Amino acid sequence: MMERGLVLELHGIGLSQGATTHLDRISLSLAAGERLIVLGETGSGREALMRVLGGFPEKGDVITGTIRYAGGPPVPAGSRSKPALRTAYLPNPLSHPLVPHASVAAQLTRIVARKLNAPFGSAREELRLALERLPGAVTLPLLDAKPTALDPVTIATGLIASVSAQTPDLVLAESPFADLGPKAIKTLLNALDAEQQRLNYGLIYATGGLSPIARLGGRVLVLRAGKVVEEGSAERLMSGHAHAYTRRLFEALPRLVMENPRPRSLSRGQPLLQFHNVPFGSEPPPKNLYGEERPVRDGVTFEIRRGASLALIGEPQSGRHALLRLMLGVDPAPSGRVLFDAVDLNVLSEGMAARIRRRVAYISGRDDTLDPRMTLWDTVEEPLRAHLNISGELIAGYREAALKRVGLASHDGKLPVSVLSPFDKRRLAVARAFVGAPLLVVVDEPLTGLDAFAQNIMREVLIDFRATQGPAFLVLTSDFTIAQALAEDALVLEGGKIVEKGAIAHLVHSPKHDATKALIDAVSLSREAASV
């Protein structure tokens, strides 16, 4: 480990590809034990800066400027020379940084062994000790499984442990916990904070979100279009004494409204989706002496009326998707009744149930829900052509109106979905839902992978969709701020069970269950951050 002093110094760093400039004369320095948060939206240059620092340029990158490591001589930033300090890289587990055919423990151990120039057995012991210091129940035997068998939060914990086991001088963290859920993000940020203080390494953390700034603090470098907008302490930037762009970036991020929430809309429509005494939870339905399932007396009962909104709030493994599958009749209810538009889904054939589900639109944060081979126009037109016998002129009119509503009317309609950005794909899914005139819209983590400005626009698009079209909304999320923006009532889930339910305004103000309190606490940032 290095003594307190200079870890890294960049001077005049530039990166371009052809006529496009990604970084424009960036200069910065970092001391041992210091943390620098690089904040910017997608395309701001933060990804390009991390490529330069990590030494993994892309084909066609032209890199200028110099880097000086640990007080050594300046070297060209584009050179392949090995830095005179131990550098560890902390990626996001959702970016699939590990190969799928080998166990996580083996891969992380090889990384530690290579960085420490140590035998495999010694490196594995260092990794085990590092895991023991972290909160939670992640152990080395648990990581003796392939990445596909483990959840992203477990892999993220293992990645933090591997970084600590390397005893680095510098850690490069590229949005390592983005989209893992607010509760997990808080836990992982706290773990990273504790490990950095213990090991005193320099930390550069690239992010498009506010949570790392509020929880880690330190110095913040704001990038826009490859240039530094401003640089300063997290406290100053979050206090509102910042550049107009920085303030707009912070204002675009969601906040939990603790007082004076928006007025509750009146839901006077007929029941659309009804759950009557349906068993849901980790325990199987009780059986009688003959092995037959007995009726459940305390099953789940609720309803969603036309035009109303309900959020299923919980971590990814909480059971929210299992409940959704029951609600839509994808999985048959073992007992009780599930009615959609007054039709019992349990008595329908699969073909009839599929016809009913045509009145349900699905908007997801996953980019693989749209066919990448279809064009932008075909994606929007498909629901109309498949289910309605109307003229091509009418179809084109509905298509253009829907694309205009989401801000995609100026795009080339013959472009394939595969070339669209995640933000454009998300808006395209909303346009596709628009033309289908659904009775129910399922919104599943719609802001995943989007930067602050894109998240703000998506929230506005979805709020406008509900206000103008009037469908019922069913929102699946682990983030109370998203639930509060898009829904009025909620079911809170944990461990495959519904642990609390009620109006979101009431849950935020007076939560009862520990799971609800933890989810709210995870998105409740400091007073300074909330006031920006």
Protein backbone atom coordinates (compact mmCIF):
# COMPACT_ATOMS: atom_id res chain seq x y z
CA MET A 1 0.00 0.00 0.00
CA MET A 2 1.09 3.58 -0.69
CA GLU A 3 1.54 6.27 1.90
CA ARG A 4 -0.69 9.29 1.73
CA GLY A 5 0.30 11.15 -1.44
CA LEU A 6 -0.35 11.38 -5.13
CA VAL A 7 -1.88 8.30 -6.72
CA LEU A 8 -2.79 9.61 -10.13
CA GLU A 9 -2.48 12.79 -12.17
CA LEU A 10 -4.03 13.34 -15.60
CA HIS A 11 -3.11 16.26 -17.81
CA GLY A 12 -4.87 17.29 -21.03
CA ILE A 13 -6.53 13.93 -21.68
CA GLY A 14 -8.37 13.80 -24.98
CA LEU A 15 -10.15 10.92 -26.73
CA SER A 16 -11.66 11.01 -30.18
CA GLN A 17 -12.96 8.61 -32.79
CA GLY A 18 -12.87 10.12 -36.26
CA ALA A 19 -14.63 13.47 -36.09
CA THR A 20 -16.28 12.72 -32.72
CA THR A 21 -14.63 14.02 -29.57
CA HIS A 22 -15.45 12.06 -26.41
CA LEU A 23 -12.98 13.78 -24.04
CA ASP A 24 -11.67 17.30 -24.45
CA ARG A 25 -8.48 18.12 -22.46
CA ILE A 26 -9.48 16.59 -19.12
CA SER A 27 -7.10 17.17 -16.20
CA LEU A 28 -7.46 15.82 -12.67
CA SER A 29 -5.50 14.42 -9.73
CA LEU A 30 -6.22 11.90 -7.00
CA ALA A 31 -4.51 11.28 -3.64
CA ALA A 32 -4.34 8.09 -1.60
CA GLY A 33 -7.53 7.62 0.41
CA GLU A 34 -9.38 10.19 -1.69
CA ARG A 35 -12.55 9.49 -3.62
CA LEU A 36 -13.50 11.20 -6.86
CA ILE A 37 -16.99 10.72 -8.27
CA VAL A 38 -17.29 11.30 -12.02
CA LEU A 39 -20.89 12.35 -12.66
CA GLY A 40 -22.52 12.65 -16.06
CA GLU A 41 -25.32 11.42 -18.26
CA THR A 42 -24.83 8.82 -20.98
CA GLY A 43 -22.45 10.22 -23.59
CA SER A 44 -20.99 12.80 -21.21
CA GLY A 45 -17.52 11.26 -21.45
CA ARG A 46 -17.47 9.32 -18.17
CA GLU A 47 -17.36 5.99 -20.00
CA ALA A 48 -14.53 7.23 -22.22
CA LEU A 49 -12.58 8.49 -19.20
CA MET A 50 -12.83 5.08 -17.53
CA ARG A 51 -11.57 3.43 -20.75
CA VAL A 52 -8.47 5.62 -20.66
CA LEU A 53 -7.84 5.06 -16.96
CA GLY A 54 -8.40 1.32 -17.20
CA GLY A 55 -6.17 0.93 -20.22
CA PHE A 56 -8.74 -0.77 -22.45
CA PRO A 57 -9.29 1.55 -25.44
CA GLU A 58 -11.65 0.63 -28.24
CA LYS A 59 -10.65 0.24 -31.86
CA GLY A 60 -10.27 3.64 -33.46
CA ASP A 61 -9.66 5.55 -30.22
CA VAL A 62 -7.15 8.38 -30.57
CA ILE A 63 -5.89 9.29 -27.08
CA THR A 64 -3.82 12.34 -26.21
CA GLY A 65 -2.43 13.79 -22.98
CA THR A 66 -0.35 12.29 -20.20
CA ILE A 67 -0.85 10.23 -17.03
CA ARG A 68 1.47 10.30 -14.03
CA TYR A 69 1.25 7.47 -11.51
CA ALA A 70 2.38 7.74 -7.87
CA GLY A 71 4.81 10.57 -8.43
CA GLY A 72 6.52 8.86 -11.37
CA PRO A 73 7.26 10.51 -14.72
CA PRO A 74 4.38 11.45 -17.04
CA VAL A 75 3.63 8.86 -19.72
CA PRO A 76 1.44 9.15 -22.83
CA ALA A 77 -2.14 8.26 -21.93
CA GLY A 78 -2.47 6.02 -24.97
CA SER A 79 0.60 3.94 -24.20
CA ARG A 80 0.39 0.33 -23.06
CA SER A 81 2.95 0.80 -20.28
CA LYS A 82 2.09 -0.89 -17.00
CA PRO A 83 1.29 1.64 -14.23
CA ALA A 84 3.60 1.74 -11.23
CA LEU A 85 0.76 1.06 -8.82
CA ARG A 86 -1.71 -1.74 -8.19
CA THR A 87 -5.04 -0.94 -9.86
CA ALA A 88 -8.29 -2.87 -9.31
CA TYR A 89 -11.40 -2.61 -11.45
CA LEU A 90 -14.93 -2.84 -10.00
CA PRO A 91 -17.52 -3.47 -12.76
CA ASN A 92 -21.28 -3.84 -12.64
CA PRO A 93 -22.38 -7.49 -12.40
CA LEU A 94 -25.17 -6.75 -14.88
CA SER A 95 -22.51 -6.06 -17.52
CA HIS A 96 -21.53 -9.78 -17.30
CA PRO A 97 -17.85 -9.25 -16.45
CA LEU A 98 -17.32 -12.95 -15.66
CA VAL A 99 -17.35 -15.85 -18.12
CA PRO A 100 -20.40 -18.12 -17.74
CA HIS A 101 -18.69 -21.52 -17.78
CA ALA A 102 -16.47 -21.16 -14.66
CA SER A 103 -17.38 -20.58 -11.03
CA VAL A 104 -17.38 -17.05 -9.65
CA ALA A 105 -15.00 -18.02 -6.83
CA ALA A 106 -12.45 -19.49 -9.25
CA GLN A 107 -12.50 -16.46 -11.52
CA LEU A 108 -12.19 -13.96 -8.67
CA THR A 109 -9.40 -16.01 -7.11
CA ARG A 110 -7.43 -15.98 -10.39
CA ILE A 111 -7.75 -12.19 -10.52
CA VAL A 112 -6.43 -11.86 -6.96
CA ALA A 113 -3.62 -14.34 -7.61
CA ARG A 114 -2.50 -12.48 -10.72
CA LYS A 115 -2.53 -9.06 -9.01
CA LEU A 116 -0.71 -10.31 -5.91
CA ASN A 117 1.58 -12.66 -7.84
CA ALA A 118 0.54 -15.31 -5.32
CA PRO A 119 -0.34 -19.03 -5.49
CA PHE A 120 -3.96 -19.91 -6.17
CA GLY A 121 -4.46 -21.31 -2.65
CA SER A 122 -3.15 -18.18 -0.97
CA ALA A 123 -5.28 -15.96 -3.18
CA ARG A 124 -8.39 -18.00 -2.35
CA GLU A 125 -7.69 -17.55 1.36
CA GLU A 126 -7.32 -13.79 0.88
CA LEU A 127 -10.67 -13.74 -0.92
CA ARG A 128 -12.30 -15.73 1.89
CA LEU A 129 -11.03 -13.31 4.53
CA ALA A 130 -12.20 -10.33 2.47
CA LEU A 131 -15.71 -11.82 2.21
CA GLU A 132 -15.85 -12.34 5.97
CA ARG A 133 -15.27 -8.63 6.53
CA LEU A 134 -18.24 -7.64 4.37
CA PRO A 135 -21.82 -7.50 5.68
CA GLY A 136 -24.30 -10.14 4.60
CA ALA A 137 -24.20 -13.89 4.20
CA VAL A 138 -22.01 -14.22 1.09
CA THR A 139 -19.36 -16.86 1.69
CA LEU A 140 -16.69 -18.38 -0.52
CA PRO A 141 -18.53 -21.74 -0.85
CA LEU A 142 -21.60 -19.80 -2.04
CA LEU A 143 -19.49 -18.34 -4.84
CA ASP A 144 -18.43 -21.81 -5.96
CA ALA A 145 -21.15 -21.63 -8.59
CA LYS A 146 -21.37 -20.29 -12.13
CA PRO A 147 -22.48 -16.65 -12.57
CA THR A 148 -25.82 -17.69 -14.05
CA ALA A 149 -26.70 -19.48 -10.80
CA LEU A 150 -26.15 -16.43 -8.59
CA ASP A 151 -28.08 -13.19 -8.24
CA PRO A 152 -26.34 -9.92 -9.23
CA VAL A 153 -26.13 -8.62 -5.65
CA THR A 154 -24.23 -11.72 -4.54
CA ILE A 155 -21.82 -11.32 -7.46
CA ALA A 156 -21.38 -7.61 -6.65
CA THR A 157 -20.44 -8.53 -3.08
CA GLY A 158 -17.88 -11.00 -4.41
CA LEU A 159 -16.45 -8.33 -6.72
CA ILE A 160 -15.99 -5.93 -3.78
CA ALA A 161 -14.23 -8.68 -1.84
CA SER A 162 -11.91 -9.41 -4.77
CA VAL A 163 -11.00 -5.73 -4.97
CA SER A 164 -10.16 -5.63 -1.25
CA ALA A 165 -8.17 -8.86 -1.48
CA GLN A 166 -5.91 -7.22 -4.08
CA THR A 167 -4.93 -4.47 -1.57
CA PRO A 168 -4.98 -1.92 -4.38
CA ASP A 169 -3.59 1.60 -4.59
CA LEU A 170 -6.31 2.69 -7.03
CA VAL A 171 -9.84 1.38 -7.64
CA LEU A 172 -11.79 2.21 -10.79
CA ALA A 173 -15.52 1.67 -10.21
CA GLU A 174 -17.72 2.02 -13.29
CA SER A 175 -21.35 2.31 -12.13
CA PRO A 176 -20.77 -0.91 -10.17
CA PHE A 177 -24.14 -1.04 -8.40
CA ALA A 178 -26.48 0.66 -10.88
CA ASP A 179 -29.88 -1.01 -11.32
CA LEU A 180 -29.38 -3.46 -8.42
CA GLY A 181 -32.22 -1.93 -6.37
CA PRO A 182 -32.04 0.90 -3.80
CA LYS A 183 -31.75 -1.39 -0.77
CA ALA A 184 -28.86 -3.37 -2.29
CA ILE A 185 -27.17 -0.19 -3.55
CA LYS A 186 -27.18 1.30 -0.05
CA THR A 187 -25.67 -1.86 1.48
CA LEU A 188 -23.00 -2.19 -1.22
CA LEU A 189 -22.04 1.50 -1.09
CA ASN A 190 -21.65 1.27 2.68
CA ALA A 191 -19.42 -1.80 2.25
CA LEU A 192 -17.27 -0.06 -0.37
CA ASP A 193 -17.01 3.01 1.87
CA ALA A 194 -15.80 0.94 4.82
CA GLU A 195 -13.26 -0.98 2.71
CA GLN A 196 -11.80 2.17 1.19
CA GLN A 197 -11.35 3.73 4.62
CA ARG A 198 -9.70 0.53 5.88
CA LEU A 199 -7.30 0.14 2.94
CA ASN A 200 -6.82 3.84 2.13
CA TYR A 201 -6.89 3.39 -1.65
CA GLY A 202 -7.78 6.09 -4.14
CA LEU A 203 -11.26 5.61 -5.62
CA ILE A 204 -12.64 6.91 -8.90
CA TYR A 205 -16.36 6.15 -9.13
CA ALA A 206 -18.17 6.84 -12.43
CA THR A 207 -21.95 7.20 -12.14
CA GLY A 208 -25.03 8.79 -13.63
CA GLY A 209 -26.93 8.71 -10.34
CA LEU A 210 -27.13 10.77 -7.17
CA SER A 211 -27.07 7.99 -4.58
CA PRO A 212 -23.27 7.38 -4.69
CA ILE A 213 -22.65 11.10 -4.21
CA ALA A 214 -25.01 11.35 -1.24
CA ARG A 215 -23.69 8.20 0.46
CA LEU A 216 -19.97 8.32 -0.40
CA GLY A 217 -19.34 12.06 -0.50
CA GLY A 218 -15.90 13.22 -1.60
CA ARG A 219 -14.99 15.29 -4.63
CA VAL A 220 -17.29 15.37 -7.67
CA LEU A 221 -16.27 15.97 -11.29
CA VAL A 222 -19.25 16.82 -13.52
CA LEU A 223 -18.84 16.00 -17.23
CA ARG A 224 -20.91 17.05 -20.20
CA ALA A 225 -20.09 16.39 -23.86
CA GLY A 226 -16.54 15.40 -22.92
CA LYS A 227 -15.77 18.59 -20.99
CA VAL A 228 -15.61 19.39 -17.28
CA VAL A 229 -18.64 21.46 -16.29
CA GLU A 230 -17.45 21.94 -12.73
CA GLU A 231 -15.58 20.27 -9.90
CA GLY A 232 -16.22 20.54 -6.18
CA SER A 233 -17.17 18.81 -2.96
CA ALA A 234 -20.29 16.69 -2.84
CA GLU A 235 -21.68 18.87 -0.06
CA ARG A 236 -21.44 22.04 -2.14
CA LEU A 237 -22.88 20.53 -5.29
CA MET A 238 -25.79 18.96 -3.41
CA SER A 239 -26.54 22.19 -1.54
CA GLY A 240 -27.65 23.89 -4.77
CA HIS A 241 -24.60 26.17 -5.05
CA ALA A 242 -23.65 24.62 -8.34
CA HIS A 243 -23.60 25.16 -12.10
CA ALA A 244 -27.03 25.31 -13.75
CA TYR A 245 -26.37 22.02 -15.60
CA THR A 246 -25.42 20.27 -12.35
CA ARG A 247 -28.57 21.55 -10.65
CA ARG A 248 -30.72 20.32 -13.55
CA LEU A 249 -28.98 16.94 -13.40
CA PHE A 250 -29.78 16.62 -9.69
CA GLU A 251 -33.33 17.90 -10.13
CA ALA A 252 -34.00 15.23 -12.77
CA LEU A 253 -33.35 12.46 -10.25
CA PRO A 254 -36.36 11.10 -8.33
CA ARG A 255 -37.07 12.14 -4.75
CA LEU A 256 -39.34 10.52 -2.21
CA VAL A 257 -42.10 12.97 -1.23
CA MET A 258 -42.50 12.59 2.53
CA GLU A 259 -44.99 15.40 3.04
CA ASN A 260 -47.84 16.89 0.98
CA PRO A 261 -47.99 14.11 -1.62
CA ARG A 262 -49.95 14.64 -4.82
CA PRO A 263 -53.73 14.35 -4.32
CA ARG A 264 -55.22 10.92 -4.75
CA SER A 265 -57.22 10.51 -7.94
CA LEU A 266 -60.71 9.10 -7.79
CA SER A 267 -60.96 5.51 -9.06
CA ARG A 268 -64.63 5.05 -9.79
CA GLY A 269 -64.34 2.57 -12.64
CA GLN A 270 -65.57 -0.99 -12.52
CA PRO A 271 -63.22 -3.68 -11.16
CA LEU A 272 -60.72 -4.72 -13.83
CA LEU A 273 -58.47 -7.23 -12.08
CA GLN A 274 -59.80 -9.09 -9.05
CA PHE A 275 -57.98 -11.43 -6.70
CA HIS A 276 -60.29 -13.51 -4.47
CA ASN A 277 -58.71 -15.61 -1.71
CA VAL A 278 -55.75 -16.73 -3.84
CA PRO A 279 -52.94 -18.42 -1.86
CA PHE A 280 -49.61 -16.68 -2.30
CA GLY A 281 -46.45 -17.21 -0.30
CA SER A 282 -43.63 -19.60 0.36
CA GLU A 283 -45.80 -22.18 2.14
CA PRO A 284 -47.78 -24.70 0.05
CA PRO A 285 -51.57 -24.82 0.44
CA PRO A 286 -52.71 -27.02 3.38
CA LYS A 287 -53.92 -30.56 2.62
CA ASN A 288 -56.52 -32.79 4.22
CA LEU A 289 -56.12 -36.41 5.33
CA TYR A 290 -56.56 -37.61 1.75
CA GLY A 291 -53.77 -35.38 0.41
CA GLU A 292 -56.21 -32.95 -1.18
CA GLU A 293 -55.60 -29.21 -0.92
CA ARG A 294 -57.95 -27.56 1.57
CA PRO A 295 -59.48 -24.14 0.82
CA VAL A 296 -57.30 -21.31 2.06
CA ARG A 297 -59.10 -19.02 4.49
CA ASP A 298 -56.57 -16.18 4.52
CA GLY A 299 -55.50 -16.02 0.89
CA VAL A 300 -54.72 -12.78 -0.92
CA THR A 301 -57.71 -10.62 -1.85
CA PHE A 302 -57.55 -7.27 -3.64
CA GLU A 303 -58.72 -5.55 -6.82
CA ILE A 304 -57.57 -3.00 -9.37
CA ARG A 305 -60.32 -0.85 -10.84
CA ARG A 306 -60.32 0.65 -14.31
CA GLY A 307 -58.01 3.64 -14.37
CA ALA A 308 -56.53 2.85 -10.95
CA SER A 309 -52.90 2.11 -10.14
CA LEU A 310 -51.11 -0.42 -7.96
CA ALA A 311 -47.40 -0.94 -7.31
CA LEU A 312 -45.78 -4.26 -6.37
CA ILE A 313 -42.75 -3.08 -4.39
CA GLY A 314 -39.94 -5.41 -3.42
CA GLU A 315 -36.44 -6.59 -4.20
CA PRO A 316 -35.97 -8.71 -7.37
CA GLN A 317 -36.32 -11.99 -5.40
CA SER A 318 -39.27 -10.80 -3.30
CA GLY A 319 -41.91 -12.65 -5.32
CA ARG A 320 -43.34 -9.71 -7.24
CA HIS A 321 -43.00 -11.47 -10.62
CA ALA A 322 -44.56 -14.65 -9.24
CA LEU A 323 -47.54 -12.59 -8.10
CA LEU A 324 -47.73 -10.93 -11.52
CA ARG A 325 -47.85 -14.31 -13.26
CA LEU A 326 -50.80 -15.29 -11.05
CA MET A 327 -52.53 -11.98 -11.73
CA LEU A 328 -52.30 -12.41 -15.51
CA GLY A 329 -53.20 -16.10 -15.49
CA VAL A 330 -49.80 -17.18 -16.82
CA ASP A 331 -49.54 -19.45 -13.78
CA PRO A 332 -52.89 -20.89 -12.69
CA ALA A 333 -54.02 -20.05 -9.18
CA PRO A 334 -54.11 -23.25 -7.03
CA SER A 335 -57.37 -22.07 -5.46
CA GLY A 336 -59.47 -18.94 -5.25
CA ARG A 337 -60.40 -16.86 -8.28
CA VAL A 338 -58.57 -14.44 -10.56
CA LEU A 339 -60.88 -12.32 -12.69
CA PHE A 340 -59.83 -10.00 -15.50
CA ASP A 341 -62.60 -7.78 -16.82
CA ALA A 342 -65.12 -10.05 -15.04
CA VAL A 343 -63.76 -13.21 -16.73
CA ASP A 344 -62.33 -16.01 -14.55
CA LEU A 345 -58.88 -16.73 -15.98
CA ASN A 346 -58.69 -20.14 -14.29
CA VAL A 347 -61.52 -21.59 -16.38
CA LEU A 348 -60.24 -20.39 -19.75
CA SER A 349 -58.21 -22.35 -22.24
CA GLU A 350 -54.71 -21.05 -22.97
CA GLY A 351 -55.92 -19.66 -26.29
CA MET A 352 -58.79 -17.75 -24.71
CA ALA A 353 -56.56 -16.48 -21.91
CA ALA A 354 -54.08 -15.22 -24.53
CA ARG A 355 -56.88 -13.27 -26.20
CA ILE A 356 -57.77 -11.68 -22.87
CA ARG A 357 -54.14 -10.74 -22.30
CA ARG A 358 -54.14 -8.77 -25.56
CA ARG A 359 -55.73 -5.99 -23.52
CA VAL A 360 -52.61 -5.90 -21.35
CA ALA A 361 -49.53 -3.89 -22.41
CA TYR A 362 -46.09 -4.64 -21.01
CA ILE A 363 -43.41 -1.96 -20.67
CA SER A 364 -40.15 -3.30 -19.31
CA GLY A 365 -36.72 -2.00 -18.38
CA ARG A 366 -35.21 -4.94 -20.25
CA ASP A 367 -34.04 -4.23 -23.78
CA ASP A 368 -34.78 -7.76 -25.04
CA THR A 369 -38.58 -7.45 -24.87
CA LEU A 370 -38.72 -5.97 -28.38
CA ASP A 371 -37.76 -7.94 -31.50
CA PRO A 372 -34.40 -6.45 -32.58
CA ARG A 373 -34.98 -7.46 -36.21
CA MET A 374 -38.18 -5.45 -36.61
CA THR A 375 -38.18 -1.85 -37.75
CA LEU A 376 -39.38 1.02 -35.61
CA TRP A 377 -42.58 1.34 -37.66
CA ASP A 378 -43.32 -2.40 -37.70
CA THR A 379 -42.91 -2.62 -33.93
CA VAL A 380 -45.63 -0.03 -33.36
CA GLU A 381 -47.92 -1.31 -36.11
CA GLU A 382 -47.81 -4.99 -35.18
CA PRO A 383 -50.59 -4.93 -32.49
CA LEU A 384 -52.91 -3.17 -34.95
CA ARG A 385 -52.21 -5.49 -37.88
CA ALA A 386 -52.45 -8.63 -35.73
CA HIS A 387 -55.77 -7.92 -34.04
CA LEU A 388 -57.67 -5.31 -36.10
CA ASN A 389 -58.92 -5.33 -39.69
CA ILE A 390 -58.30 -1.69 -40.55
CA SER A 391 -56.77 0.09 -43.51
CA GLY A 392 -53.09 0.82 -43.90
CA GLU A 393 -53.86 4.54 -43.88
CA LEU A 394 -55.50 4.32 -40.46
CA ILE A 395 -52.66 2.18 -39.14
CA ALA A 396 -50.12 4.77 -40.32
CA GLY A 397 -52.12 7.52 -38.64
CA TYR A 398 -52.25 5.70 -35.29
CA ARG A 399 -48.54 4.89 -35.59
CA GLU A 400 -47.49 8.47 -36.23
CA ALA A 401 -49.66 9.78 -33.39
CA ALA A 402 -48.14 7.29 -30.95
CA LEU A 403 -44.57 8.03 -32.03
CA LYS A 404 -45.21 11.74 -31.71
CA ARG A 405 -46.50 11.29 -28.15
CA VAL A 406 -43.21 9.69 -27.05
CA GLY A 407 -40.88 11.93 -29.06
CA LEU A 408 -39.84 9.42 -31.74
CA ALA A 409 -41.67 10.87 -34.74
CA SER A 410 -38.47 12.36 -36.18
CA HIS A 411 -36.65 9.01 -36.20
CA ASP A 412 -36.26 7.00 -39.40
CA GLY A 413 -39.09 4.48 -39.20
CA LYS A 414 -37.11 1.90 -41.19
CA LEU A 415 -34.36 1.64 -38.60
CA PRO A 416 -34.16 -1.76 -36.89
CA VAL A 417 -34.81 -1.87 -33.15
CA SER A 418 -31.30 -3.27 -32.61
CA VAL A 419 -29.64 0.10 -33.36
CA LEU A 420 -31.79 2.13 -30.97
CA SER A 421 -30.48 3.33 -27.61
CA PRO A 422 -32.00 1.90 -24.40
CA PHE A 423 -33.87 5.19 -23.94
CA ASP A 424 -35.37 5.02 -27.45
CA LYS A 425 -36.30 1.36 -27.00
CA ARG A 426 -38.13 2.24 -23.79
CA ARG A 427 -40.07 5.02 -25.52
CA LEU A 428 -40.81 2.71 -28.44
CA ALA A 429 -42.37 0.21 -26.04
CA VAL A 430 -44.65 2.97 -24.74
CA ALA A 431 -45.65 3.93 -28.30
CA ARG A 432 -46.48 0.28 -29.01
CA ALA A 433 -48.63 0.24 -25.89
CA PHE A 434 -50.37 3.47 -26.94
CA VAL A 435 -51.76 2.05 -30.19
CA GLY A 436 -53.10 -1.07 -28.48
CA ALA A 437 -55.47 0.93 -26.22
CA PRO A 438 -54.86 -1.47 -23.30
CA LEU A 439 -57.07 -1.80 -20.26
CA LEU A 440 -54.04 -2.60 -18.08
CA VAL A 441 -50.41 -1.50 -18.47
CA VAL A 442 -47.74 -3.49 -16.63
CA VAL A 443 -44.71 -1.26 -16.01
CA ASP A 444 -41.74 -3.37 -14.91
CA GLU A 445 -38.70 -1.38 -13.64
CA PRO A 446 -39.07 1.09 -16.54
CA LEU A 447 -36.07 3.29 -15.65
CA THR A 448 -33.41 0.56 -15.54
CA GLY A 449 -30.19 1.54 -17.29
CA LEU A 450 -31.23 5.14 -18.02
CA ASP A 451 -29.41 8.29 -16.97
CA ALA A 452 -31.04 11.03 -14.91
CA PHE A 453 -32.48 13.08 -17.79
CA ALA A 454 -33.82 10.02 -19.60
CA GLN A 455 -35.40 8.75 -16.37
CA ASN A 456 -37.17 12.07 -15.91
CA ILE A 457 -38.54 12.03 -19.46
CA MET A 458 -39.70 8.41 -19.14
CA ARG A 459 -41.59 9.23 -15.94
CA GLU A 460 -43.31 12.11 -17.69
CA VAL A 461 -44.17 9.94 -20.72
CA LEU A 462 -45.71 7.25 -18.50
CA ILE A 463 -47.64 9.77 -16.40
CA ASP A 464 -48.97 11.35 -19.62
CA PHE A 465 -49.93 7.90 -20.96
CA ARG A 466 -52.04 7.16 -17.91
CA ALA A 467 -53.59 10.64 -17.83
CA THR A 468 -54.61 10.68 -21.50
CA GLN A 469 -55.43 7.03 -22.22
CA GLY A 470 -56.83 6.13 -18.79
CA PRO A 471 -55.57 2.53 -18.44
CA ALA A 472 -54.99 0.89 -15.09
CA PHE A 473 -51.32 0.80 -14.11
CA LEU A 474 -49.55 -2.10 -12.43
CA VAL A 475 -46.00 -1.04 -11.49
CA LEU A 476 -43.26 -3.50 -10.49
CA THR A 477 -40.29 -1.88 -8.79
CA SER A 478 -37.93 -1.94 -5.83
CA ASP A 479 -37.82 1.86 -5.73
CA PHE A 480 -40.42 3.72 -3.68
CA THR A 481 -39.75 6.93 -5.64
CA ILE A 482 -40.83 5.26 -8.89
CA ALA A 483 -43.85 3.70 -7.21
CA GLN A 484 -44.86 7.06 -5.76
CA ALA A 485 -44.56 8.77 -9.16
CA LEU A 486 -46.61 6.19 -11.10
CA ALA A 487 -49.04 4.61 -8.62
CA GLU A 488 -51.23 5.37 -5.64
CA ASP A 489 -51.59 2.05 -3.82
CA ALA A 490 -48.99 -0.63 -3.16
CA LEU A 491 -48.33 -4.16 -2.02
CA VAL A 492 -44.92 -4.57 -0.35
CA LEU A 493 -43.35 -8.00 -0.83
CA GLU A 494 -40.50 -9.82 0.88
CA GLY A 495 -39.49 -13.46 0.73
CA GLY A 496 -42.42 -14.45 -1.47
CA LYS A 497 -45.03 -12.89 0.83
CA ILE A 498 -47.06 -9.70 0.96
CA VAL A 499 -45.90 -8.03 4.17
CA GLU A 500 -47.74 -4.71 3.96
CA LYS A 501 -50.28 -2.96 1.75
CA GLY A 502 -52.08 0.35 1.53
CA ALA A 503 -51.93 3.80 -0.01
CA ILE A 504 -48.36 4.74 -0.91
CA ALA A 505 -48.72 8.11 0.83
CA HIS A 506 -49.63 6.29 4.05
CA LEU A 507 -46.87 3.67 3.68
CA VAL A 508 -44.23 6.38 3.18
CA HIS A 509 -45.44 8.36 6.18
CA SER A 510 -46.12 5.48 8.57
CA PRO A 511 -44.48 2.20 7.49
CA LYS A 512 -45.11 -0.76 9.77
CA HIS A 513 -43.05 -3.70 8.50
CA ASP A 514 -39.25 -3.75 8.59
CA ALA A 515 -39.09 -4.53 4.85
CA THR A 516 -41.13 -1.41 4.04
CA LYS A 517 -38.95 0.71 6.33
CA ALA A 518 -35.77 -0.62 4.71
CA LEU A 519 -37.04 0.08 1.17
CA ILE A 520 -38.02 3.63 2.13
CA ASP A 521 -34.74 4.25 3.95
CA ALA A 522 -32.81 3.09 0.87
CA VAL A 523 -34.18 5.98 -1.22
CA SER A 524 -34.22 8.58 1.57
CA LEU A 525 -31.09 10.59 0.85
CA SER A 526 -29.52 13.26 3.01
CA ARG A 527 -31.42 16.47 3.67
CA GLU A 528 -28.94 18.36 1.47
CA ALA A 529 -29.46 16.03 -1.48
CA ALA A 530 -33.23 16.11 -1.10
CA SER A 531 -33.28 19.90 -1.12
CA VAL A 532 -31.42 20.42 -4.39
